[in-house]
Amino acid sequence: MERVAAEDSRVLTLHHRALIVDACNTAEWDADYVARLHGSGVKCVWKTLASQHGPLGTLRDIAHWLEIFDRHPDTVTPVRRAEEIAQVAAAGRVAAVYTLQHTRPFDEDLGLVRVFYEMGIRVVQLTYNTRCAVGDGCLEPNDAGLSALGRRMVAALNRLGVVIDLSHGSRRTALDAIDASASPVVISHANAHALVANPRNVPDDVIRALAAAGGVIGIDAYLPHLSQDLDKAPSVDDMIAHVDHVVQLVGPRHVGFGLDLGEGRTLAQYLSYNFPVGAYPSWEQRQKNKTRGLERIDQFVNLTRGLVARGYRDDDVVAILGGNFLRVFEHATGVSSV
């Protein structure tokens, strides 16, 4: 009993000490959600503002989120540089980093990259599941990798100081982008393909290349990335198993969490993505088989508990909970030439 109490005390101490980052926040926010986020221990969210729209639709998405942030000034503060994250966290608020889950908002115009940067975008995912002008997504049957435009896009993002995200990218696109980028890149929300052979999960050779370039992969809580049986709910232990795999492969400095919980998402939103059956669950499977122990953002402490239970050292727990993603963000935003 004393051992259990000591372990739980250590969990809570580390959870409050760490500057915890959720590198993929896809939730819809209302007052209840914001209150739970604020109480979760998460101190920084990389908030997806848009993914599937062109420039005008993305501007509308950003306007929508600006209104939401304005409703919660005492709880959430948008940030643009690494040092602001620590300042916001010290003030007891959650720092929000603006992200885009596609380069579609730029409409193949590198000039628009600068425009969205000036609006505060600091993380950009190069592709979604299918082929676009920048490169191939993970569901393309013929993987041609990063395009010539994609290489110019990577260079433009590097110059501005924007973190490049390779989630949803194909294997070849990921390897090409890692090689082309002057700064470390991330895969903000995906798991290990060696454990679950979903096309959205990441092969070991890509994880090795990502780590060799200083990057980080964020383990997510999404059903098909944790379980090949979409009628069976995975668990927090399943998520920690993916952390273990990455750590055994490349060490504890190249893994974090990007939950992609999608709380508050509606059936209409889900259907609008036209996700392919098999690689993605049905709406009913998604709703029924959420990750046990991490159905909601306010259960984030269970990840800290899982890391402690697996025997990770204090410094490694703090790094995995947020320090690793913060390092990449600091590197990118610190080299901006704007």
Protein backbone atom coordinates (compact mmCIF):
# COMPACT_ATOMS: atom_id res chain seq x y z
CA MET A 1 0.00 0.00 0.00
CA GLU A 2 2.84 2.41 0.85
CA ARG A 3 4.51 1.62 -2.48
CA VAL A 4 1.29 2.39 -4.37
CA ALA A 5 0.85 5.66 -2.48
CA ALA A 6 4.45 6.66 -3.20
CA GLU A 7 4.05 5.87 -6.89
CA ASP A 8 0.83 7.87 -7.11
CA SER A 9 2.52 10.82 -5.39
CA ARG A 10 5.34 10.62 -7.93
CA VAL A 11 2.81 10.55 -10.79
CA LEU A 12 1.09 13.71 -9.58
CA THR A 13 4.41 15.47 -8.90
CA LEU A 14 5.69 14.72 -12.41
CA HIS A 15 2.34 15.58 -13.99
CA HIS A 16 2.39 19.05 -12.43
CA ARG A 17 6.11 19.56 -13.03
CA ALA A 18 6.03 18.76 -16.74
CA LEU A 19 5.09 21.31 -19.37
CA ILE A 20 2.66 18.90 -20.99
CA VAL A 21 1.99 19.22 -24.72
CA ASP A 22 -0.89 17.68 -26.67
CA ALA A 23 0.54 18.02 -30.17
CA CYS A 24 -2.75 17.25 -31.91
CA ASN A 25 -5.84 18.84 -30.43
CA THR A 26 -8.79 18.26 -32.77
CA ALA A 27 -11.61 18.81 -30.28
CA GLU A 28 -14.55 21.15 -30.65
CA TRP A 29 -14.39 23.55 -27.72
CA ASP A 30 -17.27 24.65 -25.52
CA ALA A 31 -17.13 25.99 -21.96
CA ASP A 32 -17.20 22.48 -20.48
CA TYR A 33 -14.34 21.30 -22.67
CA VAL A 34 -12.19 24.35 -21.92
CA ALA A 35 -12.73 23.85 -18.18
CA ARG A 36 -11.69 20.21 -18.46
CA LEU A 37 -8.68 21.10 -20.61
CA HIS A 38 -7.61 23.70 -18.05
CA GLY A 39 -7.83 21.15 -15.26
CA SER A 40 -6.12 18.35 -17.18
CA GLY A 41 -2.53 19.40 -16.56
CA VAL A 42 -2.01 20.00 -20.30
CA LYS A 43 -0.19 23.31 -20.61
CA CYS A 44 0.13 23.58 -24.39
CA VAL A 45 -2.08 22.37 -27.24
CA TRP A 46 -1.19 22.34 -30.90
CA LYS A 47 -4.68 23.28 -32.07
CA THR A 48 -5.82 22.22 -35.53
CA LEU A 49 -7.62 25.23 -37.00
CA ALA A 50 -8.20 23.80 -40.48
CA SER A 51 -7.35 20.86 -42.70
CA GLN A 52 -9.60 20.32 -45.71
CA HIS A 53 -10.34 23.82 -47.03
CA GLY A 54 -8.71 26.14 -49.49
CA PRO A 55 -7.65 29.70 -48.58
CA LEU A 56 -11.10 31.24 -48.12
CA GLY A 57 -12.51 28.30 -46.16
CA THR A 58 -9.41 28.28 -43.97
CA LEU A 59 -9.83 31.99 -43.23
CA ARG A 60 -13.37 31.25 -42.08
CA ASP A 61 -12.06 28.42 -39.90
CA ILE A 62 -9.49 30.73 -38.33
CA ALA A 63 -12.14 33.41 -37.73
CA HIS A 64 -14.27 30.78 -35.97
CA TRP A 65 -11.42 29.81 -33.68
CA LEU A 66 -10.46 33.41 -32.95
CA GLU A 67 -13.98 33.89 -31.60
CA ILE A 68 -13.64 30.83 -29.40
CA PHE A 69 -10.28 31.93 -28.00
CA ASP A 70 -11.76 35.37 -27.31
CA ARG A 71 -14.41 33.73 -25.10
CA HIS A 72 -11.77 32.24 -22.80
CA PRO A 73 -9.04 34.87 -22.25
CA ASP A 74 -8.43 33.76 -18.67
CA THR A 75 -7.92 30.14 -19.67
CA VAL A 76 -6.32 29.94 -23.13
CA THR A 77 -3.72 32.18 -24.78
CA PRO A 78 -2.53 31.79 -28.39
CA VAL A 79 1.27 31.81 -28.73
CA ARG A 80 3.73 32.20 -31.57
CA ARG A 81 7.15 31.59 -29.97
CA ALA A 82 8.56 28.98 -27.61
CA GLU A 83 9.29 31.38 -24.76
CA GLU A 84 5.64 32.44 -24.71
CA ILE A 85 4.55 28.88 -23.88
CA ALA A 86 6.41 28.83 -20.57
CA GLN A 87 5.15 32.32 -19.72
CA VAL A 88 1.53 31.37 -20.39
CA ALA A 89 1.87 28.12 -18.45
CA ALA A 90 3.43 29.98 -15.49
CA ALA A 91 0.38 32.27 -15.48
CA GLY A 92 -1.90 29.26 -15.13
CA ARG A 93 -3.31 29.32 -18.65
CA VAL A 94 -3.11 26.91 -21.59
CA ALA A 95 -0.93 27.97 -24.52
CA ALA A 96 -2.45 27.36 -27.97
CA VAL A 97 -0.24 26.91 -31.03
CA TYR A 98 -2.08 27.36 -34.34
CA THR A 99 -1.72 24.44 -36.74
CA LEU A 100 -2.97 23.44 -40.19
CA GLN A 101 -3.40 19.79 -41.11
CA HIS A 102 -2.77 20.33 -44.81
CA THR A 103 -1.03 22.65 -47.27
CA ARG A 104 -4.30 23.00 -49.20
CA PRO A 105 -4.92 26.42 -47.55
CA PHE A 106 -1.93 27.78 -49.52
CA ASP A 107 -3.48 26.82 -52.88
CA GLU A 108 0.01 26.04 -54.28
CA ASP A 109 1.03 29.67 -53.68
CA LEU A 110 4.16 30.03 -51.55
CA GLY A 111 3.27 33.65 -50.95
CA LEU A 112 0.28 32.53 -48.93
CA VAL A 113 2.57 30.60 -46.59
CA ARG A 114 3.85 33.96 -45.36
CA VAL A 115 0.30 35.32 -45.05
CA PHE A 116 -0.81 32.47 -42.81
CA TYR A 117 2.42 32.71 -40.84
CA GLU A 118 1.61 36.35 -40.08
CA MET A 119 -1.79 35.17 -38.80
CA GLY A 120 0.01 32.98 -36.29
CA ILE A 121 0.21 29.55 -37.94
CA ARG A 122 3.28 27.77 -36.53
CA VAL A 123 2.77 24.09 -37.45
CA VAL A 124 1.86 22.90 -40.96
CA GLN A 125 1.15 19.34 -42.07
CA LEU A 126 2.35 18.81 -45.63
CA THR A 127 -0.27 16.34 -46.88
CA TYR A 128 -3.42 14.58 -45.83
CA ASN A 129 -4.24 11.00 -46.83
CA THR A 130 -4.19 11.35 -50.60
CA ARG A 131 -2.04 13.00 -53.25
CA CYS A 132 -1.77 16.76 -53.41
CA ALA A 133 0.55 19.14 -55.23
CA VAL A 134 3.07 18.98 -52.37
CA GLY A 135 3.36 15.21 -52.12
CA ASP A 136 1.66 11.90 -51.49
CA GLY A 137 -0.44 10.92 -48.50
CA CYS A 138 -0.35 7.58 -46.72
CA LEU A 139 -3.33 6.13 -48.65
CA GLU A 140 -1.88 6.68 -52.13
CA PRO A 141 -1.28 3.30 -53.83
CA ASN A 142 1.70 4.66 -55.79
CA ASP A 143 4.07 6.53 -53.50
CA ALA A 144 5.88 9.23 -55.48
CA GLY A 145 7.03 11.13 -52.39
CA LEU A 146 7.59 14.85 -52.09
CA SER A 147 7.08 16.93 -55.23
CA ALA A 148 9.25 19.78 -56.51
CA LEU A 149 6.68 22.20 -55.08
CA GLY A 150 6.83 20.24 -51.85
CA ARG A 151 10.57 20.83 -51.59
CA ARG A 152 10.06 24.54 -52.12
CA MET A 153 7.29 24.46 -49.51
CA VAL A 154 9.63 22.81 -47.00
CA ALA A 155 12.25 25.50 -47.64
CA ALA A 156 9.66 28.28 -47.22
CA LEU A 157 8.40 26.82 -43.94
CA ASN A 158 11.97 26.45 -42.69
CA ARG A 159 12.76 30.09 -43.49
CA LEU A 160 9.69 31.35 -41.65
CA GLY A 161 10.21 29.18 -38.60
CA VAL A 162 7.20 26.89 -38.96
CA VAL A 163 7.28 23.31 -37.67
CA ILE A 164 6.74 20.79 -40.47
CA ASP A 165 4.34 17.95 -39.63
CA LEU A 166 4.46 14.68 -41.61
CA SER A 167 1.34 13.05 -40.16
CA HIS A 168 -0.87 11.46 -42.85
CA GLY A 169 2.12 11.48 -45.22
CA SER A 170 3.35 8.51 -47.22
CA ARG A 171 6.60 6.76 -46.36
CA ARG A 172 8.47 8.30 -49.29
CA THR A 173 7.05 11.78 -48.66
CA ALA A 174 8.14 11.55 -45.03
CA LEU A 175 11.67 10.41 -45.87
CA ASP A 176 12.00 13.07 -48.59
CA ALA A 177 10.79 15.83 -46.27
CA ILE A 178 13.06 14.76 -43.42
CA ASP A 179 15.98 14.89 -45.84
CA ALA A 180 14.92 18.24 -47.33
CA SER A 181 14.20 20.08 -44.07
CA ALA A 182 16.88 22.21 -42.44
CA SER A 183 15.05 21.93 -39.10
CA PRO A 184 13.76 18.90 -37.17
CA VAL A 185 10.28 17.84 -38.22
CA VAL A 186 7.46 16.06 -36.37
CA ILE A 187 4.84 13.43 -36.90
CA SER A 188 2.36 14.94 -34.48
CA HIS A 189 -0.20 12.12 -34.33
CA ALA A 190 0.54 8.57 -35.44
CA ASN A 191 1.75 5.31 -33.93
CA ALA A 192 4.18 2.52 -34.75
CA HIS A 193 3.37 0.46 -37.83
CA ALA A 194 5.41 -2.41 -36.39
CA LEU A 195 2.76 -2.83 -33.68
CA VAL A 196 -0.40 -2.00 -35.66
CA ALA A 197 -0.22 -2.24 -39.44
CA ASN A 198 -2.51 0.68 -40.26
CA PRO A 199 -1.40 2.81 -43.24
CA ARG A 200 -1.49 5.92 -41.03
CA ASN A 201 1.08 4.42 -38.68
CA VAL A 202 4.80 4.96 -39.17
CA PRO A 203 7.36 2.35 -40.29
CA ASP A 204 10.50 1.90 -38.23
CA ASP A 205 12.81 3.26 -40.93
CA VAL A 206 10.87 6.55 -40.96
CA ILE A 207 10.96 6.74 -37.15
CA ARG A 208 14.73 6.22 -37.26
CA ALA A 209 15.19 8.91 -39.91
CA LEU A 210 12.93 11.30 -38.00
CA ALA A 211 14.93 10.81 -34.82
CA ALA A 212 18.30 11.08 -36.57
CA ALA A 213 17.22 14.54 -37.76
CA GLY A 214 16.13 15.56 -34.25
CA GLY A 215 12.40 15.06 -34.75
CA VAL A 216 9.57 13.70 -32.59
CA ILE A 217 6.57 11.41 -33.13
CA GLY A 218 3.40 11.96 -31.10
CA ILE A 219 1.58 8.80 -30.04
CA ASP A 220 -2.17 9.19 -30.47
CA ALA A 221 -5.29 7.66 -28.93
CA TYR A 222 -7.15 6.93 -32.19
CA LEU A 223 -8.76 3.49 -32.38
CA PRO A 224 -7.35 2.15 -35.69
CA HIS A 225 -3.82 3.24 -34.77
CA LEU A 226 -3.95 1.16 -31.58
CA SER A 227 -6.06 -1.86 -32.49
CA GLN A 228 -6.56 -3.86 -35.67
CA ASP A 229 -9.88 -5.06 -34.28
CA LEU A 230 -12.05 -1.97 -34.68
CA ASP A 231 -14.77 -3.57 -32.56
CA LYS A 232 -12.48 -3.73 -29.53
CA ALA A 233 -11.55 -0.67 -27.49
CA PRO A 234 -7.81 -0.17 -26.93
CA SER A 235 -6.34 1.07 -23.64
CA VAL A 236 -3.80 3.51 -22.27
CA ASP A 237 -1.47 0.51 -21.92
CA ASP A 238 -1.69 0.05 -25.69
CA MET A 239 -0.57 3.66 -26.14
CA ILE A 240 2.35 3.18 -23.76
CA ALA A 241 3.36 0.09 -25.75
CA HIS A 242 3.86 2.36 -28.77
CA VAL A 243 5.91 4.74 -26.63
CA ASP A 244 8.02 1.77 -25.53
CA HIS A 245 8.56 0.72 -29.13
CA VAL A 246 9.77 4.16 -30.19
CA VAL A 247 12.01 4.45 -27.11
CA GLN A 248 13.57 1.04 -27.78
CA LEU A 249 14.13 2.06 -31.39
CA VAL A 250 15.50 5.61 -31.02
CA GLY A 251 15.46 6.61 -27.35
CA PRO A 252 13.17 8.70 -25.12
CA ARG A 253 13.99 12.08 -26.71
CA HIS A 254 11.99 11.45 -29.86
CA VAL A 255 8.49 10.60 -28.66
CA GLY A 256 5.59 12.52 -27.16
CA PHE A 257 1.80 12.60 -27.34
CA GLY A 258 -0.56 14.03 -29.96
CA LEU A 259 -3.87 12.64 -28.81
CA ASP A 260 -6.23 13.46 -31.71
CA LEU A 261 -9.18 12.76 -29.40
CA GLY A 262 -11.63 14.79 -31.47
CA GLU A 263 -14.00 15.39 -28.54
CA GLY A 264 -17.24 17.05 -29.60
CA ARG A 265 -16.93 16.13 -33.25
CA THR A 266 -20.27 15.40 -34.95
CA LEU A 267 -21.38 12.65 -37.30
CA ALA A 268 -21.71 15.22 -40.11
CA GLN A 269 -18.13 16.37 -39.59
CA TYR A 270 -16.84 12.81 -39.59
CA LEU A 271 -18.71 11.84 -42.75
CA SER A 272 -17.47 14.96 -44.56
CA TYR A 273 -13.94 13.51 -44.59
CA ASN A 274 -15.02 10.46 -46.63
CA PHE A 275 -12.63 8.21 -44.72
CA PRO A 276 -12.07 4.80 -46.36
CA VAL A 277 -13.54 1.80 -44.56
CA GLY A 278 -10.87 -0.40 -43.01
CA ALA A 279 -8.15 2.19 -42.55
CA TYR A 280 -10.69 4.19 -40.52
CA PRO A 281 -13.51 3.01 -38.24
CA SER A 282 -17.17 3.61 -38.84
CA TRP A 283 -18.74 6.39 -36.78
CA GLU A 284 -20.35 3.78 -34.54
CA GLN A 285 -17.03 2.01 -33.94
CA ARG A 286 -15.31 5.30 -33.23
CA GLN A 287 -17.90 6.31 -30.66
CA LYS A 288 -18.16 2.91 -28.98
CA ASN A 289 -14.50 1.93 -28.81
CA LYS A 290 -12.65 4.96 -27.48
CA THR A 291 -9.36 4.34 -25.75
CA ARG A 292 -10.12 3.13 -22.23
CA GLY A 293 -8.71 5.52 -19.66
CA LEU A 294 -8.30 8.31 -22.21
CA GLU A 295 -11.76 9.02 -23.53
CA ARG A 296 -11.42 12.67 -22.44
CA ILE A 297 -8.66 15.24 -22.19
CA ASP A 298 -9.03 15.46 -18.41
CA GLN A 299 -7.75 11.87 -18.17
CA PHE A 300 -4.29 12.84 -19.48
CA VAL A 301 -2.78 11.99 -16.08
CA ASN A 302 -3.29 8.32 -16.95
CA LEU A 303 -0.52 8.66 -19.53
CA THR A 304 1.81 9.97 -16.84
CA ARG A 305 0.72 7.05 -14.66
CA GLY A 306 1.43 4.64 -17.51
CA LEU A 307 4.95 5.98 -18.06
CA VAL A 308 5.75 5.75 -14.37
CA ALA A 309 4.36 2.20 -14.19
CA ARG A 310 6.66 1.17 -17.07
CA GLY A 311 9.69 2.38 -15.11
CA TYR A 312 10.65 5.54 -17.00
CA ARG A 313 13.02 7.91 -15.21
CA ASP A 314 11.66 11.28 -14.08
CA ASP A 315 13.55 13.28 -16.72
CA ASP A 316 12.37 10.97 -19.46
CA VAL A 317 8.75 11.22 -18.31
CA VAL A 318 8.97 15.03 -18.40
CA ALA A 319 10.54 14.91 -21.87
CA ILE A 320 7.91 12.54 -23.27
CA LEU A 321 5.03 14.52 -21.76
CA GLY A 322 6.07 17.70 -23.54
CA GLY A 323 9.74 18.56 -23.44
CA ASN A 324 10.54 16.81 -26.70
CA PHE A 325 7.91 18.67 -28.72
CA LEU A 326 8.91 21.94 -27.04
CA ARG A 327 12.51 21.39 -28.16
CA VAL A 328 11.47 21.07 -31.81
CA PHE A 329 9.15 24.07 -31.54
CA GLU A 330 11.88 26.17 -29.97
CA HIS A 331 14.34 25.22 -32.70
CA ALA A 332 11.89 26.10 -35.49
CA THR A 333 10.58 29.39 -34.12
CA GLY A 334 14.07 30.44 -33.08
CA VAL A 335 15.41 30.31 -36.64
CA SER A 336 12.74 32.42 -38.33
CA SER A 337 14.24 34.81 -40.87
CA VAL A 338 11.15 37.06 -40.91
